[in-house]
Amino acid sequence: MVKGEQRRKQLARQKYERQARRRAETRQKTKRRNVIIASVLAVVVAAGATAYATAGLVGADNKNDAKASAADRPKDPCAAPAKGEPSKKQWKKEPKLTVDGSASYTAKLATTCGDISLKLDAEKAPHTVNSFDFLTRQGYFDHSPCHRLVDSDLHVLQCGDPTGTGQGTPGYTIPDENLKDPRLKGGVYPAGTVAMANRYDGQSEKTRNTGGSQFFLVFQDSKLPANYTPFGTITQGMDVLKKIAKAGYTTDPQTQNTAPNATVVIDRARITKS
């Protein structure tokens, strides 16, 4: 009888532990799904001072961790970067708004993995396109790495930080725009969307309007709250993004940043107005 009671308690404990694990996994998946794509994700206290943690699309799953292992990691599908150094330029304030909302702006990102072309929406996101145009013409994106890849729940490649750390900014911020774009209905950023990263923490309104230079390219429909300015669409290079995604990513144990295994560098970025 005693053994039967002990067995019953053991089974009950195991059931509770399984339920607890499932709840934890569900919370983690929800966190990944709604995670903030940001230049700075969280504030932490370190060494007696306030410091910002590197933004990470946190929570690599087992599938992608397996991809990142040395044995399973596929061959780098990209070429070596062109000679040159990432920009260190900084500006104290947002550039003067000179973009023409009635004009057509297209951007071409010549990357080590292939060309990616973007059609920019100056009418709906004038501040964002104006800043992107300014930074491109300043050579700010040239020789900069794309530092983050997520291919679980979210499917994005994040670029635009010459430091490659996820913390880089041009020194100024720009306002959020076009957040009611009908393309974002249902909390989904559709494949082909180009959007700005920012520092919005999902709670404080003070963290809104904090976009800078970092942007992300959506290569598959991604569940994400409409908090990030959509300012263009990918017109060429979805195959390039798929190739990069196929190579997987590696999670930094300290920062939780998920860097692509492929060597993704924007050798040169150019803007055309017509």
Protein backbone atom coordinates (compact mmCIF):
# COMPACT_ATOMS: atom_id res chain seq x y z
CA MET A 1 0.00 0.00 0.00
CA VAL A 2 2.85 2.30 0.89
CA LYS A 3 4.57 1.54 -2.38
CA GLY A 4 1.34 2.26 -4.26
CA GLU A 5 0.99 5.63 -2.54
CA GLN A 6 4.61 6.50 -3.28
CA ARG A 7 4.10 5.57 -6.91
CA ARG A 8 1.02 7.75 -7.11
CA LYS A 9 2.94 10.71 -5.68
CA GLN A 10 5.81 10.07 -8.06
CA LEU A 11 3.49 10.07 -11.07
CA ALA A 12 1.75 13.22 -9.82
CA ARG A 13 5.11 14.96 -9.41
CA GLN A 14 6.22 13.93 -12.89
CA LYS A 15 2.95 15.20 -14.34
CA TYR A 16 3.41 18.53 -12.55
CA GLU A 17 6.97 18.83 -13.85
CA ARG A 18 5.83 18.11 -17.41
CA GLN A 19 3.12 20.77 -17.14
CA ALA A 20 5.63 23.25 -15.71
CA ARG A 21 8.02 22.60 -18.60
CA ARG A 22 5.23 23.06 -21.13
CA ARG A 23 4.18 26.35 -19.52
CA ALA A 24 7.78 27.55 -19.57
CA GLU A 25 8.16 26.54 -23.22
CA THR A 26 4.92 28.31 -24.10
CA ARG A 27 6.07 31.50 -22.36
CA GLN A 28 9.39 31.32 -24.18
CA LYS A 29 7.72 30.84 -27.56
CA THR A 30 5.39 33.77 -26.86
CA LYS A 31 8.35 35.89 -25.85
CA ARG A 32 10.15 35.03 -29.07
CA ARG A 33 7.08 35.76 -31.14
CA ASN A 34 6.48 39.16 -29.59
CA VAL A 35 10.09 40.04 -28.98
CA ILE A 36 11.08 43.59 -29.71
CA ILE A 37 13.36 43.98 -32.71
CA ALA A 38 15.43 46.76 -31.28
CA SER A 39 18.81 48.37 -31.25
CA VAL A 40 18.60 48.08 -27.47
CA LEU A 41 16.29 45.50 -25.96
CA ALA A 42 16.63 45.65 -22.20
CA VAL A 43 18.16 47.71 -19.45
CA VAL A 44 20.35 45.81 -17.04
CA VAL A 45 22.37 46.84 -14.03
CA ALA A 46 25.98 45.82 -14.32
CA ALA A 47 29.02 46.79 -12.28
CA GLY A 48 26.98 49.29 -10.32
CA ALA A 49 25.97 51.24 -13.44
CA THR A 50 23.09 51.16 -15.88
CA ALA A 51 24.01 49.55 -19.18
CA TYR A 52 22.04 48.46 -22.18
CA ALA A 53 22.04 44.82 -23.17
CA THR A 54 22.70 44.02 -26.78
CA ALA A 55 19.44 43.46 -28.58
CA GLY A 56 18.86 39.83 -29.27
CA LEU A 57 15.92 38.13 -30.86
CA VAL A 58 16.11 35.94 -27.84
CA GLY A 59 15.58 32.21 -27.55
CA ALA A 60 17.14 30.16 -30.30
CA ASP A 61 15.34 26.83 -30.50
CA ASN A 62 17.00 23.45 -30.63
CA LYS A 63 16.68 23.22 -34.40
CA ASN A 64 18.69 26.36 -34.97
CA ASP A 65 21.16 25.59 -32.20
CA ALA A 66 21.82 22.35 -34.08
CA LYS A 67 22.39 24.35 -37.24
CA ALA A 68 24.91 26.44 -35.40
CA SER A 69 27.02 23.51 -34.18
CA ALA A 70 30.40 23.09 -35.83
CA ALA A 71 29.56 19.67 -37.19
CA ASP A 72 26.24 20.61 -38.76
CA ARG A 73 27.00 24.14 -39.90
CA PRO A 74 26.72 24.35 -43.69
CA LYS A 75 29.35 25.88 -45.90
CA ASP A 76 29.31 29.68 -45.94
CA PRO A 77 27.33 30.53 -49.10
CA CYS A 78 28.67 34.08 -49.35
CA ALA A 79 31.80 35.68 -50.75
CA ALA A 80 34.49 37.55 -48.85
CA PRO A 81 33.70 41.21 -48.14
CA ALA A 82 35.12 43.94 -50.35
CA LYS A 83 38.02 45.92 -48.95
CA GLY A 84 36.95 48.81 -46.80
CA GLU A 85 36.06 49.80 -43.24
CA PRO A 86 32.61 50.31 -41.68
CA SER A 87 31.55 53.91 -41.13
CA LYS A 88 32.17 55.64 -37.82
CA LYS A 89 30.23 58.77 -38.73
CA GLN A 90 27.82 60.29 -36.23
CA TRP A 91 25.34 63.16 -36.40
CA LYS A 92 23.77 65.17 -33.60
CA LYS A 93 20.30 65.46 -35.12
CA GLU A 94 18.03 64.01 -37.75
CA PRO A 95 18.86 65.28 -41.23
CA LYS A 96 16.68 67.99 -42.70
CA LEU A 97 13.56 66.59 -44.33
CA THR A 98 14.21 66.95 -48.06
CA VAL A 99 12.71 63.75 -49.40
CA ASP A 100 10.15 64.12 -52.18
CA GLY A 101 7.00 62.20 -51.26
CA SER A 102 5.85 62.13 -54.87
CA ALA A 103 9.11 60.65 -56.18
CA SER A 104 10.13 57.03 -56.48
CA TYR A 105 13.12 55.90 -54.42
CA THR A 106 14.84 52.58 -54.89
CA ALA A 107 17.78 51.19 -52.95
CA LYS A 108 20.25 48.54 -54.00
CA LEU A 109 22.24 46.66 -51.38
CA ALA A 110 25.19 44.93 -53.01
CA THR A 111 25.99 42.28 -50.41
CA THR A 112 28.53 39.51 -50.19
CA CYS A 113 25.65 37.06 -50.67
CA GLY A 114 24.03 38.77 -53.66
CA ASP A 115 22.11 41.92 -54.55
CA ILE A 116 18.99 42.98 -52.67
CA SER A 117 16.79 45.73 -54.14
CA LEU A 118 14.23 47.75 -52.22
CA LYS A 119 11.39 50.04 -53.22
CA LEU A 120 11.04 52.76 -50.59
CA ASP A 121 7.76 54.45 -49.64
CA ALA A 122 8.62 58.13 -49.19
CA GLU A 123 4.97 59.18 -49.13
CA LYS A 124 3.94 57.04 -46.16
CA ALA A 125 7.24 57.12 -44.24
CA PRO A 126 8.97 60.39 -45.20
CA HIS A 127 11.21 60.72 -42.12
CA THR A 128 12.37 57.12 -42.38
CA VAL A 129 13.06 57.20 -46.11
CA ASN A 130 14.70 60.62 -45.78
CA SER A 131 17.06 59.25 -43.10
CA PHE A 132 17.75 56.05 -45.06
CA ASP A 133 18.51 58.11 -48.16
CA PHE A 134 20.81 60.43 -46.20
CA LEU A 135 22.74 57.60 -44.54
CA THR A 136 23.08 55.73 -47.83
CA ARG A 137 24.48 58.77 -49.61
CA GLN A 138 26.90 59.27 -46.72
CA GLY A 139 28.24 55.73 -47.20
CA TYR A 140 27.06 54.80 -43.73
CA PHE A 141 25.91 51.32 -44.73
CA ASP A 142 28.93 50.48 -46.88
CA HIS A 143 31.07 47.63 -45.46
CA SER A 144 28.60 47.09 -42.61
CA PRO A 145 27.62 43.55 -41.52
CA CYS A 146 24.08 42.28 -41.17
CA HIS A 147 24.38 41.25 -37.55
CA ARG A 148 21.18 39.38 -36.71
CA LEU A 149 19.23 36.53 -38.30
CA VAL A 150 16.07 35.00 -36.90
CA ASP A 151 14.33 32.08 -38.56
CA SER A 152 12.02 30.78 -35.84
CA ASP A 153 8.57 32.38 -35.39
CA LEU A 154 10.12 35.54 -36.83
CA HIS A 155 11.93 35.38 -40.16
CA VAL A 156 14.11 38.45 -40.52
CA LEU A 157 17.61 39.60 -41.34
CA GLN A 158 18.66 42.75 -39.49
CA CYS A 159 21.25 45.16 -40.87
CA GLY A 160 22.25 48.81 -40.66
CA ASP A 161 24.66 48.80 -37.72
CA PRO A 162 28.27 49.43 -38.80
CA THR A 163 29.50 48.23 -35.39
CA GLY A 164 27.90 44.81 -35.92
CA THR A 165 26.91 44.71 -32.24
CA GLY A 166 23.23 45.63 -32.40
CA GLN A 167 23.95 48.78 -30.37
CA GLY A 168 25.13 51.11 -33.13
CA THR A 169 23.21 54.27 -34.03
CA PRO A 170 23.86 57.24 -36.32
CA GLY A 171 23.64 59.53 -33.28
CA TYR A 172 20.05 60.64 -33.85
CA THR A 173 16.59 59.11 -33.76
CA ILE A 174 13.59 59.31 -36.10
CA PRO A 175 9.86 59.09 -35.41
CA ASP A 176 7.72 56.00 -35.89
CA GLU A 177 5.62 56.17 -39.05
CA ASN A 178 3.08 54.21 -41.06
CA LEU A 179 2.18 51.87 -38.18
CA LYS A 180 -1.41 51.60 -39.42
CA ASP A 181 -0.35 50.34 -42.82
CA PRO A 182 -3.04 47.85 -43.92
CA ARG A 183 -0.33 45.37 -44.87
CA LEU A 184 0.32 44.83 -41.16
CA LYS A 185 -3.17 43.59 -40.37
CA GLY A 186 -3.44 40.65 -38.01
CA GLY A 187 -0.13 41.41 -36.32
CA VAL A 188 1.86 40.07 -39.26
CA TYR A 189 4.72 41.69 -41.16
CA PRO A 190 4.37 40.01 -44.55
CA ALA A 191 7.28 38.56 -46.50
CA GLY A 192 9.03 41.27 -48.49
CA THR A 193 8.57 44.01 -45.89
CA VAL A 194 11.41 46.40 -45.08
CA ALA A 195 11.00 47.96 -41.62
CA MET A 196 12.93 49.96 -39.05
CA ALA A 197 14.21 48.57 -35.78
CA ASN A 198 13.78 50.74 -32.70
CA ARG A 199 14.12 50.76 -28.92
CA TYR A 200 10.45 50.45 -28.03
CA ASP A 201 10.21 48.18 -24.99
CA GLY A 202 6.55 47.30 -25.43
CA GLN A 203 5.50 49.27 -22.34
CA SER A 204 6.74 52.82 -22.01
CA GLU A 205 5.65 55.40 -24.56
CA LYS A 206 8.92 57.17 -23.84
CA THR A 207 10.70 54.43 -25.78
CA ARG A 208 8.75 55.08 -28.96
CA ASN A 209 10.14 57.18 -31.83
CA THR A 210 13.59 55.70 -31.32
CA GLY A 211 14.47 54.39 -34.77
CA GLY A 212 17.99 55.04 -36.03
CA SER A 213 19.87 53.23 -38.77
CA GLN A 214 19.02 49.59 -38.12
CA PHE A 215 16.45 47.97 -40.38
CA PHE A 216 15.19 44.47 -40.99
CA LEU A 217 14.23 42.49 -44.06
CA VAL A 218 11.32 40.05 -43.72
CA PHE A 219 11.80 36.93 -45.86
CA GLN A 220 8.75 35.03 -44.59
CA ASP A 221 5.49 36.19 -42.97
CA SER A 222 6.33 37.04 -39.34
CA LYS A 223 4.09 37.51 -36.32
CA LEU A 224 5.05 40.85 -34.82
CA PRO A 225 3.13 43.76 -33.26
CA ALA A 226 2.81 46.83 -35.50
CA ASN A 227 5.46 48.84 -33.66
CA TYR A 228 8.13 49.09 -36.35
CA THR A 229 7.90 51.49 -39.28
CA PRO A 230 7.36 49.66 -42.58
CA PHE A 231 9.05 51.84 -45.18
CA GLY A 232 9.55 49.68 -48.24
CA THR A 233 9.32 46.35 -49.98
CA ILE A 234 11.90 43.91 -51.30
CA THR A 235 11.73 43.80 -55.10
CA GLN A 236 14.79 41.63 -55.70
CA GLY A 237 16.84 39.31 -53.53
CA MET A 238 14.36 37.09 -51.69
CA ASP A 239 16.43 34.17 -52.95
CA VAL A 240 19.49 35.79 -51.38
CA LEU A 241 17.72 36.05 -48.02
CA LYS A 242 16.57 32.44 -48.22
CA LYS A 243 20.16 31.38 -48.92
CA ILE A 244 21.34 33.29 -45.87
CA ALA A 245 18.58 31.79 -43.72
CA LYS A 246 19.41 28.27 -44.87
CA ALA A 247 22.93 28.63 -43.44
CA GLY A 248 21.41 29.23 -40.00
CA TYR A 249 22.70 31.33 -37.13
CA THR A 250 24.79 31.08 -33.98
CA THR A 251 23.56 32.38 -30.63
CA ASP A 252 26.02 34.42 -28.59
CA PRO A 253 25.78 33.02 -25.02
CA GLN A 254 26.48 36.42 -23.49
CA THR A 255 24.30 38.78 -25.55
CA GLN A 256 21.84 36.24 -27.01
CA ASN A 257 22.35 37.90 -30.39
CA THR A 258 21.78 35.46 -33.23
CA ALA A 259 24.44 36.22 -35.83
CA PRO A 260 24.04 34.63 -39.27
CA ASN A 261 26.49 31.86 -40.08
CA ALA A 262 26.76 33.31 -43.57
CA THR A 263 29.18 36.21 -43.98
CA VAL A 264 26.59 38.88 -44.79
CA VAL A 265 28.14 42.29 -45.42
CA ILE A 266 26.72 45.22 -47.35
CA ASP A 267 29.67 46.01 -49.60
CA ARG A 268 27.87 48.99 -51.08
CA ALA A 269 24.46 50.62 -50.75
CA ARG A 270 23.07 53.04 -53.32
CA ILE A 271 19.85 55.04 -53.74
CA THR A 272 18.16 56.05 -56.98
CA LYS A 273 15.46 58.70 -57.21
CA SER A 274 13.15 58.93 -60.21
